[in-house]
Every structure is written in C-alpha cells, then in structure tokens.
N, C-alpha and C. Protein backbone atom coordinates (compact mmCIF):
# COMPACT_ATOMS: atom_id res chain seq x y z
N MET A 1 87.61 104.13 83.40
CA MET A 1 88.14 104.53 84.59
C MET A 1 89.27 103.78 84.97
N SER A 2 89.71 102.55 84.81
CA SER A 2 90.39 101.80 85.02
C SER A 2 92.12 102.49 84.77
N VAL A 3 92.02 103.06 83.46
CA VAL A 3 93.30 104.01 83.14
C VAL A 3 93.49 105.19 84.31
N VAL A 4 92.36 105.84 84.41
CA VAL A 4 92.59 106.94 85.29
C VAL A 4 92.91 106.43 86.75
N ALA A 5 92.30 105.11 87.37
CA ALA A 5 92.78 104.69 88.75
C ALA A 5 94.26 104.45 88.59
N GLY A 6 94.77 103.96 87.56
CA GLY A 6 96.40 103.64 87.36
C GLY A 6 97.01 104.69 87.43
N VAL A 7 96.39 105.82 86.66
CA VAL A 7 97.50 107.10 86.91
C VAL A 7 97.36 107.39 88.26
N THR A 8 96.54 107.68 89.02
CA THR A 8 96.60 108.31 90.33
C THR A 8 97.41 107.00 90.87
N GLY A 9 97.03 105.81 90.96
CA GLY A 9 97.92 104.82 91.54
C GLY A 9 99.53 104.80 91.32
N ALA A 10 99.92 105.04 90.00
CA ALA A 10 101.17 105.27 89.71
C ALA A 10 101.96 106.51 90.22
N LEU A 11 101.03 107.52 90.54
CA LEU A 11 101.55 108.86 90.77
C LEU A 11 101.57 108.73 92.45
N GLY A 12 101.15 107.41 93.12
CA GLY A 12 101.25 107.43 94.55
C GLY A 12 100.24 107.95 95.26
N LEU A 13 98.99 108.15 94.61
CA LEU A 13 97.86 108.91 95.11
C LEU A 13 96.88 107.80 95.54
N ASP A 14 96.06 107.97 96.68
CA ASP A 14 95.03 107.14 96.71
C ASP A 14 93.66 107.77 96.42
N ALA A 15 92.55 107.04 96.59
CA ALA A 15 91.32 107.70 95.99
C ALA A 15 90.90 109.22 96.80
N ARG A 16 91.39 109.22 97.95
CA ARG A 16 91.22 110.56 98.51
C ARG A 16 92.39 111.79 98.31
N GLY A 17 93.37 111.46 97.17
CA GLY A 17 94.17 112.36 96.97
C GLY A 17 95.24 112.54 98.16
N THR A 18 95.58 111.22 98.85
CA THR A 18 96.60 111.62 99.79
C THR A 18 97.57 110.48 99.26
N MET A 19 98.75 110.54 99.75
CA MET A 19 100.06 109.69 99.60
C MET A 19 99.36 108.13 99.87
N ALA A 20 99.67 107.30 98.85
CA ALA A 20 99.46 105.68 99.16
C ALA A 20 100.79 105.38 100.14
N ALA A 21 100.50 104.09 100.49
CA ALA A 21 101.47 103.61 101.29
C ALA A 21 103.05 103.49 101.08
N ARG A 22 103.29 103.44 99.98
CA ARG A 22 104.64 103.57 99.05
C ARG A 22 104.83 105.27 99.10
N ALA A 23 106.24 105.40 99.08
CA ALA A 23 106.55 106.79 98.85
C ALA A 23 106.35 107.29 97.53
N TYR A 24 106.16 108.51 97.45
CA TYR A 24 105.68 109.44 96.34
C TYR A 24 106.60 109.11 95.14
N PRO A 25 106.14 108.38 94.17
CA PRO A 25 107.05 107.90 93.16
C PRO A 25 107.06 108.69 91.80
N VAL A 26 107.25 110.03 91.95
CA VAL A 26 107.37 110.94 90.68
C VAL A 26 108.50 110.61 90.00
N ARG A 27 109.89 110.69 90.69
CA ARG A 27 110.79 110.49 89.93
C ARG A 27 110.86 109.16 89.32
N GLU A 28 110.51 107.98 89.79
CA GLU A 28 110.34 106.63 89.30
C GLU A 28 109.62 106.69 88.03
N THR A 29 108.37 107.34 88.20
CA THR A 29 107.36 107.52 87.40
C THR A 29 108.01 108.29 85.89
N ALA A 30 108.59 109.47 86.17
CA ALA A 30 109.25 110.27 85.21
C ALA A 30 110.39 109.57 84.56
N ASP A 31 111.11 108.68 85.46
CA ASP A 31 112.25 107.88 84.82
C ASP A 31 111.70 106.96 83.61
N ALA A 32 110.85 106.36 84.25
CA ALA A 32 110.30 105.47 83.40
C ALA A 32 109.59 105.74 82.01
N ILE A 33 108.95 107.15 82.08
CA ILE A 33 108.69 107.81 80.76
C ILE A 33 109.47 108.22 79.71
N ALA A 34 110.59 108.77 80.80
CA ALA A 34 111.79 109.02 79.88
C ALA A 34 112.50 107.93 79.12
N THR A 35 112.97 107.05 79.73
CA THR A 35 113.33 105.91 79.32
C THR A 35 112.55 105.41 78.13
N ARG A 36 111.25 105.30 78.13
CA ARG A 36 110.35 104.68 77.34
C ARG A 36 110.52 105.52 76.00
N PHE A 37 110.68 106.91 76.00
CA PHE A 37 110.66 107.74 75.06
C PHE A 37 111.86 108.23 74.40
N GLY A 38 113.20 107.49 75.13
CA GLY A 38 114.38 107.99 74.81
C GLY A 38 114.65 109.40 74.89
N ALA A 39 114.11 109.88 75.96
CA ALA A 39 114.75 111.44 76.19
C ALA A 39 115.77 111.64 76.48
N THR A 40 116.27 113.04 76.19
CA THR A 40 117.56 113.48 76.63
C THR A 40 117.57 113.61 78.05
N PRO A 41 118.71 113.98 78.48
CA PRO A 41 118.77 114.63 80.13
C PRO A 41 117.83 115.75 80.12
N ALA A 42 117.83 116.91 79.37
CA ALA A 42 117.31 117.86 79.45
C ALA A 42 115.42 117.40 79.30
N GLN A 43 115.39 116.75 78.37
CA GLN A 43 113.83 116.41 78.25
C GLN A 43 113.50 115.34 79.85
N ALA A 44 114.17 114.59 79.98
CA ALA A 44 114.03 113.73 81.13
C ALA A 44 113.63 114.76 82.49
N GLY A 45 114.35 116.00 82.49
CA GLY A 45 114.18 116.83 83.77
C GLY A 45 112.74 117.51 83.43
N GLU A 46 112.34 117.68 82.31
CA GLU A 46 111.17 118.56 81.94
C GLU A 46 109.94 117.53 82.04
N ILE A 47 110.48 116.28 81.87
CA ILE A 47 109.21 115.09 82.38
C ILE A 47 108.94 115.20 83.65
N GLU A 48 110.09 115.09 84.27
CA GLU A 48 110.00 115.03 85.90
C GLU A 48 109.05 116.16 86.30
N ARG A 49 109.45 117.42 86.14
CA ARG A 49 108.79 118.70 86.42
C ARG A 49 107.41 118.51 85.99
N THR A 50 107.03 118.01 84.67
CA THR A 50 105.47 117.91 84.39
C THR A 50 104.81 116.73 85.22
N VAL A 51 105.49 115.79 85.21
CA VAL A 51 104.73 114.63 86.07
C VAL A 51 104.47 115.11 87.39
N GLU A 52 105.66 116.17 88.15
CA GLU A 52 105.16 116.56 89.60
C GLU A 52 104.23 117.53 89.42
N ARG A 53 104.12 118.52 88.39
CA ARG A 53 102.98 119.19 88.37
C ARG A 53 101.69 118.63 88.24
N LEU A 54 101.49 117.58 87.26
CA LEU A 54 100.09 116.80 87.30
C LEU A 54 99.76 116.01 88.63
N ALA A 55 100.86 115.57 89.29
CA ALA A 55 100.52 114.92 90.50
C ALA A 55 99.92 115.98 91.46
N GLY A 56 100.78 117.19 91.48
CA GLY A 56 100.38 118.14 92.46
C GLY A 56 98.94 118.66 92.04
N ALA A 57 98.46 118.59 90.76
CA ALA A 57 97.29 119.29 90.23
C ALA A 57 96.14 118.12 90.83
N ILE A 58 96.70 117.06 90.67
CA ILE A 58 95.75 115.87 91.01
C ILE A 58 95.43 115.96 92.59
N ALA A 59 96.53 115.95 93.41
CA ALA A 59 96.31 115.97 94.65
C ALA A 59 95.67 117.35 95.09
N ALA A 60 95.97 118.36 94.50
CA ALA A 60 95.34 119.72 95.06
C ALA A 60 93.77 119.51 94.72
N ASP A 61 93.57 119.03 93.81
CA ASP A 61 92.11 118.93 93.11
C ASP A 61 91.42 117.82 94.21
N MET A 62 91.72 116.92 94.61
CA MET A 62 91.16 115.80 95.55
C MET A 62 91.11 116.48 96.91
N ALA A 63 91.90 117.23 97.49
CA ALA A 63 92.05 118.03 98.56
C ALA A 63 90.98 119.27 98.64
N ALA A 64 91.14 119.92 97.53
CA ALA A 64 90.15 120.99 97.55
C ALA A 64 88.94 120.92 97.15
N ARG A 65 88.57 120.04 96.35
CA ARG A 65 87.01 119.86 95.76
C ARG A 65 86.52 118.50 96.42
N ALA A 66 85.64 118.55 97.26
CA ALA A 66 84.92 117.33 98.02
C ALA A 66 84.03 116.93 97.14
N ASP A 67 83.79 116.98 95.65
CA ASP A 67 82.74 116.43 94.72
C ASP A 67 82.80 115.33 94.37
N GLY A 68 84.08 114.57 94.67
CA GLY A 68 84.24 113.28 94.31
C GLY A 68 84.39 112.92 92.64
N ARG A 69 84.55 114.14 92.15
CA ARG A 69 85.05 114.20 90.64
C ARG A 69 86.27 114.24 89.91
N THR A 70 87.06 113.99 90.89
CA THR A 70 88.63 114.20 90.35
C THR A 70 88.90 113.19 89.14
N LEU A 71 88.88 111.88 89.55
CA LEU A 71 88.73 111.07 88.41
C LEU A 71 88.12 111.41 87.16
N ASP A 72 86.96 111.99 87.08
CA ASP A 72 86.35 112.32 86.05
C ASP A 72 86.90 113.64 85.30
N ARG A 73 87.43 114.46 86.24
CA ARG A 73 88.50 115.55 85.54
C ARG A 73 89.73 115.07 84.89
N ILE A 74 90.40 114.01 85.55
CA ILE A 74 91.52 113.40 85.10
C ILE A 74 91.31 112.71 83.57
N ASP A 75 89.72 112.00 83.78
CA ASP A 75 89.44 111.42 82.33
C ASP A 75 89.46 112.35 81.50
N ASP A 76 88.68 113.60 81.85
CA ASP A 76 88.42 114.47 80.76
C ASP A 76 89.67 115.08 79.91
N ALA A 77 90.65 115.23 81.03
CA ALA A 77 92.13 115.76 80.48
C ALA A 77 92.75 114.68 79.39
N LEU A 78 92.57 113.48 79.51
CA LEU A 78 92.86 112.62 78.60
C LEU A 78 92.15 112.20 77.67
N VAL A 79 90.86 112.47 77.62
CA VAL A 79 90.17 112.15 76.38
C VAL A 79 90.55 112.91 75.30
N GLY A 80 90.35 112.11 73.98
CA GLY A 80 90.67 113.04 72.73
C GLY A 80 92.23 113.12 72.63
N SER A 81 93.00 113.03 73.34
CA SER A 81 94.56 112.92 73.28
C SER A 81 95.08 111.89 72.40
N ASP A 82 95.91 112.02 71.65
CA ASP A 82 96.54 110.91 70.70
C ASP A 82 97.75 110.35 71.58
N ALA A 83 98.09 109.06 71.66
CA ALA A 83 99.28 108.84 72.45
C ALA A 83 100.44 109.45 71.88
N PRO A 84 101.12 109.94 72.87
CA PRO A 84 102.52 110.52 72.64
C PRO A 84 103.25 109.92 71.90
N ALA A 85 104.14 110.26 70.99
CA ALA A 85 105.18 109.56 70.14
C ALA A 85 106.61 109.98 70.20
N SER A 86 106.65 110.86 71.19
CA SER A 86 108.05 111.28 71.42
C SER A 86 108.21 112.14 72.81
N ALA A 87 109.60 112.36 73.40
CA ALA A 87 109.57 112.96 74.53
C ALA A 87 109.00 114.25 74.49
N ASP A 88 109.06 115.08 73.54
CA ASP A 88 108.57 116.33 73.46
C ASP A 88 107.09 116.25 73.47
N ALA A 89 106.41 115.45 72.86
CA ALA A 89 104.93 115.08 72.91
C ALA A 89 104.41 114.76 74.18
N VAL A 90 105.09 113.91 75.06
CA VAL A 90 104.83 113.41 76.37
C VAL A 90 104.81 114.95 77.33
N ILE A 91 105.94 115.48 77.14
CA ILE A 91 105.88 117.00 77.91
C ILE A 91 104.60 117.84 77.82
N ALA A 92 104.33 118.12 76.35
CA ALA A 92 103.22 118.92 75.86
C ALA A 92 102.17 118.20 76.30
N PHE A 93 101.73 116.79 76.39
CA PHE A 93 100.61 116.22 76.96
C PHE A 93 100.43 116.38 78.60
N LEU A 94 101.58 116.15 79.29
CA LEU A 94 101.46 116.19 80.65
C LEU A 94 101.04 117.73 81.05
N GLU A 95 101.54 118.65 80.19
CA GLU A 95 101.41 119.97 80.63
C GLU A 95 99.88 120.35 80.14
N ARG A 96 99.44 119.95 79.13
CA ARG A 96 97.85 119.94 79.03
C ARG A 96 97.30 119.55 80.03
N ALA A 97 97.31 118.16 80.45
CA ALA A 97 96.64 117.50 81.27
C ALA A 97 96.69 118.08 82.61
N ALA A 98 97.54 118.49 83.06
CA ALA A 98 97.87 119.54 84.49
C ALA A 98 96.95 120.62 84.39
N GLU A 99 97.10 121.38 83.51
CA GLU A 99 96.40 122.42 82.93
C GLU A 99 95.04 122.43 83.25
N HIS A 100 94.46 121.49 82.55
CA HIS A 100 93.08 121.02 82.45
C HIS A 100 92.56 120.81 83.99
N ILE A 101 93.32 119.95 84.79
CA ILE A 101 92.90 119.63 85.99
C ILE A 101 93.05 120.90 86.99
N GLU A 102 93.94 121.65 86.72
CA GLU A 102 94.03 123.02 87.61
C GLU A 102 93.02 123.87 87.45
N THR A 103 92.58 123.95 86.10
CA THR A 103 91.43 124.88 85.82
C THR A 103 90.05 124.63 85.67
N ALA A 104 89.96 123.26 85.93
CA ALA A 104 88.61 122.49 85.80
C ALA A 104 87.83 123.10 87.05
N GLY A 105 86.57 123.54 86.65
CA GLY A 105 85.64 123.88 87.84
C GLY A 105 85.95 125.24 88.28
N ARG A 106 86.67 126.20 87.72
CA ARG A 106 86.83 127.63 87.98
C ARG A 106 85.61 128.17 87.47
C-alpha cells in the first residue's frame, strides 16, 4: 500500500481524494515521467493527458464512493503490470490504470 499512497501523494491527493496542501502537480509528475522515459514532445503531451485522467479517476472515485476502498482499487489497477520500459508503454499503462479505476464497482 505504500506505493499506492505514494501515487496518490504524487498526484497531489490526500486520503479523502481532495487536493493536498501543495498545488495539483499533474504537469510536474507528467514532466518527470516524460523525462525519465525520453518521451518526444507528442508523447510528453499524451503522458500529461493520461496522468490527468488517472488523477481525475482517483479523485472521482474517492469523492463518489464512501467505501474507503479507493486505494484498493488503485492497487488492483497496478497489480500484475510489468514496469513500463518506454514512453508508449507508460501511456498504455496509465490508460489501463485509469480505465480500471473508472469502471471498478460498476
């Protein structure tokens, strides 16, 4: 769960799904990911979009569901996934994680 807590913290969300004390760091997080994977400018934009989607899915889940299981849903979205090795793999990974969280519990 420490990885999951790190993900929500890195996206600027606290345990209730609200913004943490610092500004919503989506661009900062996306830039760090893009730099780490040597993304092209187009890929960097796509990474930012998918990080925004994932952060929105997490925040919406926390706000809409009072079951306290958002961190479990994030964990489920990440389990079994290999570590991405390229910018395109990161984009696909983030898309799958966001989709899993958006559709969990429906």
